[in-house]
Amino acid sequence: MTNNTTTTTTNDTTTAGTWVAVGPAGAVGSIHRAPDGFRVELYGHRGARSGTYPTLETAKGAVHAALGPLASRPEFHAH
């Protein structure tokens, strides 16, 4: 079995290949490192915007925005 997710540590900052967004109701989406940025995948949100974003922070913002205007920002767990 091959694990394609890599994790490296540089200057006390963890850089992972995948981050899972977790809200009060459980996992709501994930972010995957891609050659051209960070790809967002949303779980169970019909019509929600998915795509590739240039930075991890913009990808996290896209996940948060897709949850709706009153949603709390999810926690992002590196895997």
PDB file of N, CA and C in Angstrom:
ATOM      1  N   MET A   1       0.848  -1.171   0.000  1.00  0.00           N
ATOM      2  CA  MET A   1       0.000   0.000   0.000  1.00  0.00           C
ATOM      3  C   MET A   1       0.893   1.232   0.000  1.00  0.00           C
ATOM      4  N   THR A   2       0.600   2.190  -0.841  1.00  0.00           N
ATOM      5  CA  THR A   2       1.385   3.412  -0.954  1.00  0.00           C
ATOM      6  C   THR A   2       0.625   4.562  -0.328  1.00  0.00           C
ATOM      7  N   ASN A   3       1.326   5.355   0.471  1.00  0.00           N
ATOM      8  CA  ASN A   3       0.723   6.536   1.080  1.00  0.00           C
ATOM      9  C   ASN A   3       1.249   7.746   0.336  1.00  0.00           C
ATOM     10  N   ASN A   4       0.371   8.454  -0.386  1.00  0.00           N
ATOM     11  CA  ASN A   4       0.781   9.604  -1.178  1.00  0.00           C
ATOM     12  C   ASN A   4       0.726  10.914  -0.404  1.00  0.00           C
ATOM     13  N   THR A   5       0.346  10.877   0.870  1.00  0.00           N
ATOM     14  CA  THR A   5       0.292  12.079   1.680  1.00  0.00           C
ATOM     15  C   THR A   5       1.631  12.253   2.374  1.00  0.00           C
ATOM     16  N   THR A   6       2.242  13.411   2.190  1.00  0.00           N
ATOM     17  CA  THR A   6       3.530  13.664   2.806  1.00  0.00           C
ATOM     18  C   THR A   6       3.413  14.780   3.820  1.00  0.00           C
ATOM     19  N   THR A   7       4.233  14.682   4.854  1.00  0.00           N
ATOM     20  CA  THR A   7       4.280  15.714   5.866  1.00  0.00           C
ATOM     21  C   THR A   7       5.725  16.046   6.146  1.00  0.00           C
ATOM     22  N   THR A   8       6.048  17.329   6.131  1.00  0.00           N
ATOM     23  CA  THR A   8       7.392  17.776   6.468  1.00  0.00           C
ATOM     24  C   THR A   8       7.279  18.894   7.481  1.00  0.00           C
ATOM     25  N   THR A   9       8.316  19.062   8.283  1.00  0.00           N
ATOM     26  CA  THR A   9       8.313  20.119   9.274  1.00  0.00           C
ATOM     27  C   THR A   9       9.458  21.072   8.985  1.00  0.00           C
ATOM     28  N   THR A  10       9.141  22.374   8.915  1.00  0.00           N
ATOM     29  CA  THR A  10      10.135  23.407   8.668  1.00  0.00           C
ATOM     30  C   THR A  10       9.864  24.562   9.618  1.00  0.00           C
ATOM     31  N   ASN A  11      10.851  24.935  10.430  1.00  0.00           N
ATOM     32  CA  ASN A  11      10.715  26.066  11.358  1.00  0.00           C
ATOM     33  C   ASN A  11       9.444  25.986  12.191  1.00  0.00           C
ATOM     34  N   ASP A  12       9.170  24.828  12.782  1.00  0.00           N
ATOM     35  CA  ASP A  12       8.002  24.616  13.640  1.00  0.00           C
ATOM     36  C   ASP A  12       6.672  24.766  12.915  1.00  0.00           C
ATOM     37  N   THR A  13       6.661  24.761  11.604  1.00  0.00           N
ATOM     38  CA  THR A  13       5.429  24.829  10.825  1.00  0.00           C
ATOM     39  C   THR A  13       5.244  23.506  10.110  1.00  0.00           C
ATOM     40  N   THR A  14       4.080  22.902  10.286  1.00  0.00           N
ATOM     41  CA  THR A  14       3.798  21.633   9.617  1.00  0.00           C
ATOM     42  C   THR A  14       3.170  21.904   8.266  1.00  0.00           C
ATOM     43  N   THR A  15       3.725  21.307   7.232  1.00  0.00           N
ATOM     44  CA  THR A  15       3.185  21.414   5.890  1.00  0.00           C
ATOM     45  C   THR A  15       2.756  20.019   5.471  1.00  0.00           C
ATOM     46  N   ALA A  16       1.470  19.825   5.314  1.00  0.00           N
ATOM     47  CA  ALA A  16       0.935  18.511   4.992  1.00  0.00           C
ATOM     48  C   ALA A  16       0.397  18.496   3.574  1.00  0.00           C
ATOM     49  N   GLY A  17      -0.017  17.330   3.132  1.00  0.00           N
ATOM     50  CA  GLY A  17      -0.588  17.194   1.811  1.00  0.00           C
ATOM     51  C   GLY A  17      -2.097  17.280   1.818  1.00  0.00           C
ATOM     52  N   THR A  18      -2.713  17.030   2.975  1.00  0.00           N
ATOM     53  CA  THR A  18      -4.166  17.042   3.096  1.00  0.00           C
ATOM     54  C   THR A  18      -4.565  17.657   4.433  1.00  0.00           C
ATOM     55  N   TRP A  19      -5.622  18.467   4.406  1.00  0.00           N
ATOM     56  CA  TRP A  19      -6.209  19.040   5.610  1.00  0.00           C
ATOM     57  C   TRP A  19      -7.691  18.718   5.585  1.00  0.00           C
ATOM     58  N   VAL A  20      -8.239  18.266   6.698  1.00  0.00           N
ATOM     59  CA  VAL A  20      -9.665  17.977   6.799  1.00  0.00           C
ATOM     60  C   VAL A  20     -10.317  19.094   7.601  1.00  0.00           C
ATOM     61  N   ALA A  21     -11.403  19.642   7.076  1.00  0.00           N
ATOM     62  CA  ALA A  21     -12.163  20.704   7.740  1.00  0.00           C
ATOM     63  C   ALA A  21     -13.244  20.058   8.591  1.00  0.00           C
ATOM     64  N   VAL A  22     -13.221  20.368   9.881  1.00  0.00           N
ATOM     65  CA  VAL A  22     -14.169  19.766  10.811  1.00  0.00           C
ATOM     66  C   VAL A  22     -14.975  20.864  11.498  1.00  0.00           C
ATOM     67  N   GLY A  23     -16.291  20.772  11.378  1.00  0.00           N
ATOM     68  CA  GLY A  23     -17.203  21.698  12.024  1.00  0.00           C
ATOM     69  C   GLY A  23     -17.956  21.000  13.142  1.00  0.00           C
ATOM     70  N   PRO A  24     -18.919  21.664  13.743  1.00  0.00           N
ATOM     71  CA  PRO A  24     -19.678  21.066  14.840  1.00  0.00           C
ATOM     72  C   PRO A  24     -20.391  19.765  14.459  1.00  0.00           C
ATOM     73  N   ALA A  25     -20.778  19.624  13.209  1.00  0.00           N
ATOM     74  CA  ALA A  25     -21.492  18.424  12.764  1.00  0.00           C
ATOM     75  C   ALA A  25     -20.566  17.352  12.196  1.00  0.00           C
ATOM     76  N   GLY A  26     -19.257  17.581  12.232  1.00  0.00           N
ATOM     77  CA  GLY A  26     -18.305  16.608  11.700  1.00  0.00           C
ATOM     78  C   GLY A  26     -17.540  17.165  10.513  1.00  0.00           C
ATOM     79  N   ALA A  27     -16.950  16.271   9.729  1.00  0.00           N
ATOM     80  CA  ALA A  27     -16.137  16.683   8.576  1.00  0.00           C
ATOM     81  C   ALA A  27     -17.012  17.338   7.517  1.00  0.00           C
ATOM     82  N   VAL A  28     -16.590  18.518   7.050  1.00  0.00           N
ATOM     83  CA  VAL A  28     -17.368  19.255   6.050  1.00  0.00           C
ATOM     84  C   VAL A  28     -16.646  19.361   4.709  1.00  0.00           C
ATOM     85  N   GLY A  29     -15.359  19.040   4.690  1.00  0.00           N
ATOM     86  CA  GLY A  29     -14.607  19.125   3.448  1.00  0.00           C
ATOM     87  C   GLY A  29     -13.140  18.834   3.683  1.00  0.00           C
ATOM     88  N   SER A  30     -12.377  18.939   2.618  1.00  0.00           N
ATOM     89  CA  SER A  30     -10.940  18.720   2.723  1.00  0.00           C
ATOM     90  C   SER A  30     -10.217  19.601   1.720  1.00  0.00           C
ATOM     91  N   ILE A  31      -8.945  19.805   1.998  1.00  0.00           N
ATOM     92  CA  ILE A  31      -8.064  20.572   1.127  1.00  0.00           C
ATOM     93  C   ILE A  31      -6.882  19.672   0.806  1.00  0.00           C
ATOM     94  N   HIS A  32      -6.526  19.604  -0.474  1.00  0.00           N
ATOM     95  CA  HIS A  32      -5.428  18.743  -0.906  1.00  0.00           C
ATOM     96  C   HIS A  32      -4.391  19.590  -1.637  1.00  0.00           C
ATOM     97  N   ARG A  33      -3.124  19.390  -1.287  1.00  0.00           N
ATOM     98  CA  ARG A  33      -2.046  20.079  -1.998  1.00  0.00           C
ATOM     99  C   ARG A  33      -2.026  19.570  -3.430  1.00  0.00           C
ATOM    100  N   ALA A  34      -1.959  20.486  -4.377  1.00  0.00           N
ATOM    101  CA  ALA A  34      -1.931  20.160  -5.802  1.00  0.00           C
ATOM    102  C   ALA A  34      -0.740  20.885  -6.426  1.00  0.00           C
ATOM    103  N   PRO A  35      -0.293  20.452  -7.599  1.00  0.00           N
ATOM    104  CA  PRO A  35       0.845  21.116  -8.237  1.00  0.00           C
ATOM    105  C   PRO A  35       0.625  22.609  -8.486  1.00  0.00           C
ATOM    106  N   ASP A  36      -0.633  23.002  -8.679  1.00  0.00           N
ATOM    107  CA  ASP A  36      -0.922  24.403  -8.984  1.00  0.00           C
ATOM    108  C   ASP A  36      -1.571  25.156  -7.824  1.00  0.00           C
ATOM    109  N   GLY A  37      -1.545  24.614  -6.621  1.00  0.00           N
ATOM    110  CA  GLY A  37      -2.117  25.289  -5.465  1.00  0.00           C
ATOM    111  C   GLY A  37      -2.727  24.304  -4.491  1.00  0.00           C
ATOM    112  N   PHE A  38      -3.931  24.625  -4.026  1.00  0.00           N
ATOM    113  CA  PHE A  38      -4.625  23.804  -3.040  1.00  0.00           C
ATOM    114  C   PHE A  38      -6.035  23.550  -3.529  1.00  0.00           C
ATOM    115  N   ARG A  39      -6.386  22.265  -3.687  1.00  0.00           N
ATOM    116  CA  ARG A  39      -7.692  21.864  -4.226  1.00  0.00           C
ATOM    117  C   ARG A  39      -8.667  21.642  -3.079  1.00  0.00           C
ATOM    118  N   VAL A  40      -9.841  22.261  -3.161  1.00  0.00           N
ATOM    119  CA  VAL A  40     -10.879  22.151  -2.142  1.00  0.00           C
ATOM    120  C   VAL A  40     -11.913  21.127  -2.583  1.00  0.00           C
ATOM    121  N   GLU A  41     -12.289  20.264  -1.656  1.00  0.00           N
ATOM    122  CA  GLU A  41     -13.364  19.290  -1.879  1.00  0.00           C
ATOM    123  C   GLU A  41     -14.353  19.463  -0.732  1.00  0.00           C
ATOM    124  N   LEU A  42     -15.604  19.750  -1.063  1.00  0.00           N
ATOM    125  CA  LEU A  42     -16.636  19.947  -0.047  1.00  0.00           C
ATOM    126  C   LEU A  42     -17.523  18.716   0.017  1.00  0.00           C
ATOM    127  N   TYR A  43     -17.925  18.331   1.215  1.00  0.00           N
ATOM    128  CA  TYR A  43     -18.753  17.146   1.420  1.00  0.00           C
ATOM    129  C   TYR A  43     -20.211  17.551   1.582  1.00  0.00           C
ATOM    130  N   GLY A  44     -21.080  17.023   0.739  1.00  0.00           N
ATOM    131  CA  GLY A  44     -22.512  17.199   0.900  1.00  0.00           C
ATOM    132  C   GLY A  44     -23.037  18.604   0.691  1.00  0.00           C
ATOM    133  N   HIS A  45     -22.329  19.447  -0.023  1.00  0.00           N
ATOM    134  CA  HIS A  45     -22.788  20.806  -0.289  1.00  0.00           C
ATOM    135  C   HIS A  45     -23.064  20.941  -1.788  1.00  0.00           C
ATOM    136  N   ARG A  46     -24.308  20.692  -2.162  1.00  0.00           N
ATOM    137  CA  ARG A  46     -24.671  20.789  -3.581  1.00  0.00           C
ATOM    138  C   ARG A  46     -24.492  22.214  -4.072  1.00  0.00           C
ATOM    139  N   GLY A  47     -23.865  22.362  -5.206  1.00  0.00           N
ATOM    140  CA  GLY A  47     -23.693  23.667  -5.816  1.00  0.00           C
ATOM    141  C   GLY A  47     -22.600  24.509  -5.174  1.00  0.00           C
ATOM    142  N   ALA A  48     -21.941  23.964  -4.152  1.00  0.00           N
ATOM    143  CA  ALA A  48     -20.881  24.723  -3.488  1.00  0.00           C
ATOM    144  C   ALA A  48     -19.667  24.811  -4.408  1.00  0.00           C
ATOM    145  N   ARG A  49     -18.941  25.893  -4.295  1.00  0.00           N
ATOM    146  CA  ARG A  49     -17.780  26.101  -5.145  1.00  0.00           C
ATOM    147  C   ARG A  49     -16.621  25.241  -4.661  1.00  0.00           C
ATOM    148  N   SER A  50     -16.123  24.448  -5.553  1.00  0.00           N
ATOM    149  CA  SER A  50     -14.894  23.709  -5.327  1.00  0.00           C
ATOM    150  C   SER A  50     -13.918  24.230  -6.362  1.00  0.00           C
ATOM    151  N   GLY A  51     -12.680  24.070  -6.098  1.00  0.00           N
ATOM    152  CA  GLY A  51     -11.701  24.543  -7.062  1.00  0.00           C
ATOM    153  C   GLY A  51     -10.316  24.511  -6.477  1.00  0.00           C
ATOM    154  N   THR A  52      -9.404  25.126  -7.189  1.00  0.00           N
ATOM    155  CA  THR A  52      -8.014  25.181  -6.752  1.00  0.00           C
ATOM    156  C   THR A  52      -7.688  26.631  -6.425  1.00  0.00           C
ATOM    157  N   TYR A  53      -7.034  26.825  -5.296  1.00  0.00           N
ATOM    158  CA  TYR A  53      -6.714  28.151  -4.785  1.00  0.00           C
ATOM    159  C   TYR A  53      -5.200  28.287  -4.643  1.00  0.00           C
ATOM    160  N   PRO A  54      -4.670  29.508  -4.769  1.00  0.00           N
ATOM    161  CA  PRO A  54      -3.213  29.687  -4.782  1.00  0.00           C
ATOM    162  C   PRO A  54      -2.530  29.468  -3.442  1.00  0.00           C
ATOM    163  N   THR A  55      -3.247  29.696  -2.333  1.00  0.00           N
ATOM    164  CA  THR A  55      -2.630  29.518  -1.015  1.00  0.00           C
ATOM    165  C   THR A  55      -3.534  28.685  -0.120  1.00  0.00           C
ATOM    166  N   LEU A  56      -2.953  28.144   0.914  1.00  0.00           N
ATOM    167  CA  LEU A  56      -3.722  27.365   1.877  1.00  0.00           C
ATOM    168  C   LEU A  56      -4.753  28.252   2.576  1.00  0.00           C
ATOM    169  N   GLU A  57      -4.389  29.464   2.922  1.00  0.00           N
ATOM    170  CA  GLU A  57      -5.318  30.357   3.611  1.00  0.00           C
ATOM    171  C   GLU A  57      -6.528  30.704   2.741  1.00  0.00           C
ATOM    172  N   THR A  58      -6.331  30.913   1.439  1.00  0.00           N
ATOM    173  CA  THR A  58      -7.483  31.202   0.582  1.00  0.00           C
ATOM    174  C   THR A  58      -8.365  29.960   0.425  1.00  0.00           C
ATOM    175  N   ALA A  59      -7.759  28.792   0.409  1.00  0.00           N
ATOM    176  CA  ALA A  59      -8.534  27.551   0.336  1.00  0.00           C
ATOM    177  C   ALA A  59      -9.361  27.371   1.607  1.00  0.00           C
ATOM    178  N   LYS A  60      -8.754  27.659   2.764  1.00  0.00           N
ATOM    179  CA  LYS A  60      -9.504  27.566   4.024  1.00  0.00           C
ATOM    180  C   LYS A  60     -10.657  28.566   4.027  1.00  0.00           C
ATOM    181  N   GLY A  61     -10.416  29.756   3.518  1.00  0.00           N
ATOM    182  CA  GLY A  61     -11.469  30.763   3.433  1.00  0.00           C
ATOM    183  C   GLY A  61     -12.605  30.322   2.526  1.00  0.00           C
ATOM    184  N   ALA A  62     -12.275  29.639   1.438  1.00  0.00           N
ATOM    185  CA  ALA A  62     -13.300  29.143   0.516  1.00  0.00           C
ATOM    186  C   ALA A  62     -14.176  28.085   1.188  1.00  0.00           C
ATOM    187  N   VAL A  63     -13.553  27.209   1.961  1.00  0.00           N
ATOM    188  CA  VAL A  63     -14.331  26.192   2.687  1.00  0.00           C
ATOM    189  C   VAL A  63     -15.274  26.887   3.659  1.00  0.00           C
ATOM    190  N   HIS A  64     -14.752  27.831   4.423  1.00  0.00           N
ATOM    191  CA  HIS A  64     -15.571  28.553   5.399  1.00  0.00           C
ATOM    192  C   HIS A  64     -16.726  29.276   4.706  1.00  0.00           C
ATOM    193  N   ALA A  65     -16.452  29.976   3.611  1.00  0.00           N
ATOM    194  CA  ALA A  65     -17.491  30.709   2.886  1.00  0.00           C
ATOM    195  C   ALA A  65     -18.575  29.773   2.354  1.00  0.00           C
ATOM    196  N   ALA A  66     -18.196  28.575   1.940  1.00  0.00           N
ATOM    197  CA  ALA A  66     -19.167  27.632   1.382  1.00  0.00           C
ATOM    198  C   ALA A  66     -20.149  27.132   2.437  1.00  0.00           C
ATOM    199  N   LEU A  67     -19.803  27.260   3.699  1.00  0.00           N
ATOM    200  CA  LEU A  67     -20.676  26.767   4.761  1.00  0.00           C
ATOM    201  C   LEU A  67     -21.849  27.703   5.038  1.00  0.00           C
ATOM    202  N   GLY A  68     -21.779  28.930   4.555  1.00  0.00           N
ATOM    203  CA  GLY A  68     -22.878  29.869   4.736  1.00  0.00           C
ATOM    204  C   GLY A  68     -22.484  31.031   5.627  1.00  0.00           C
ATOM    205  N   PRO A  69     -23.283  32.087   5.607  1.00  0.00           N
ATOM    206  CA  PRO A  69     -22.902  33.324   6.284  1.00  0.00           C
ATOM    207  C   PRO A  69     -22.845  33.241   7.807  1.00  0.00           C
ATOM    208  N   LEU A  70     -23.580  32.362   8.439  1.00  0.00           N
ATOM    209  CA  LEU A  70     -23.583  32.292   9.906  1.00  0.00           C
ATOM    210  C   LEU A  70     -22.754  31.140  10.458  1.00  0.00           C
ATOM    211  N   ALA A  71     -22.112  30.385   9.584  1.00  0.00           N
ATOM    212  CA  ALA A  71     -21.337  29.224  10.022  1.00  0.00           C
ATOM    213  C   ALA A  71     -20.052  29.646  10.714  1.00  0.00           C
ATOM    214  N   SER A  72     -19.699  28.914  11.746  1.00  0.00           N
ATOM    215  CA  SER A  72     -18.413  29.107  12.409  1.00  0.00           C
ATOM    216  C   SER A  72     -17.312  28.580  11.497  1.00  0.00           C
ATOM    217  N   ARG A  73     -16.129  29.163  11.621  1.00  0.00           N
ATOM    218  CA  ARG A  73     -14.998  28.680  10.838  1.00  0.00           C
ATOM    219  C   ARG A  73     -14.633  27.284  11.321  1.00  0.00           C
ATOM    220  N   PRO A  74     -14.521  26.316  10.415  1.00  0.00           N
ATOM    221  CA  PRO A  74     -14.167  24.961  10.840  1.00  0.00           C
ATOM    222  C   PRO A  74     -12.711  24.889  11.280  1.00  0.00           C
ATOM    223  N   GLU A  75     -12.395  23.863  12.030  1.00  0.00           N
ATOM    224  CA  GLU A  75     -11.015  23.568  12.379  1.00  0.00           C
ATOM    225  C   GLU A  75     -10.409  22.792  11.215  1.00  0.00           C
ATOM    226  N   PHE A  76      -9.142  23.013  10.936  1.00  0.00           N
ATOM    227  CA  PHE A  76      -8.461  22.309   9.853  1.00  0.00           C
ATOM    228  C   PHE A  76      -7.371  21.423  10.444  1.00  0.00           C
ATOM    229  N   HIS A  77      -7.491  20.127  10.216  1.00  0.00           N
ATOM    230  CA  HIS A  77      -6.553  19.157  10.760  1.00  0.00           C
ATOM    231  C   HIS A  77      -5.668  18.614   9.643  1.00  0.00           C
ATOM    232  N   ALA A  78      -4.366  18.771   9.794  1.00  0.00           N
ATOM    233  CA  ALA A  78      -3.414  18.263   8.796  1.00  0.00           C
ATOM    234  C   ALA A  78      -3.329  16.741   8.899  1.00  0.00           C
ATOM    235  N   HIS A  79      -3.275  16.104   7.732  1.00  0.00           N
ATOM    236  CA  HIS A  79      -3.118  14.641   7.651  1.00  0.00           C
ATOM    237  C   HIS A  79      -1.984  14.313   6.738  1.00  0.00           C
TER     238      HIS A  79
END
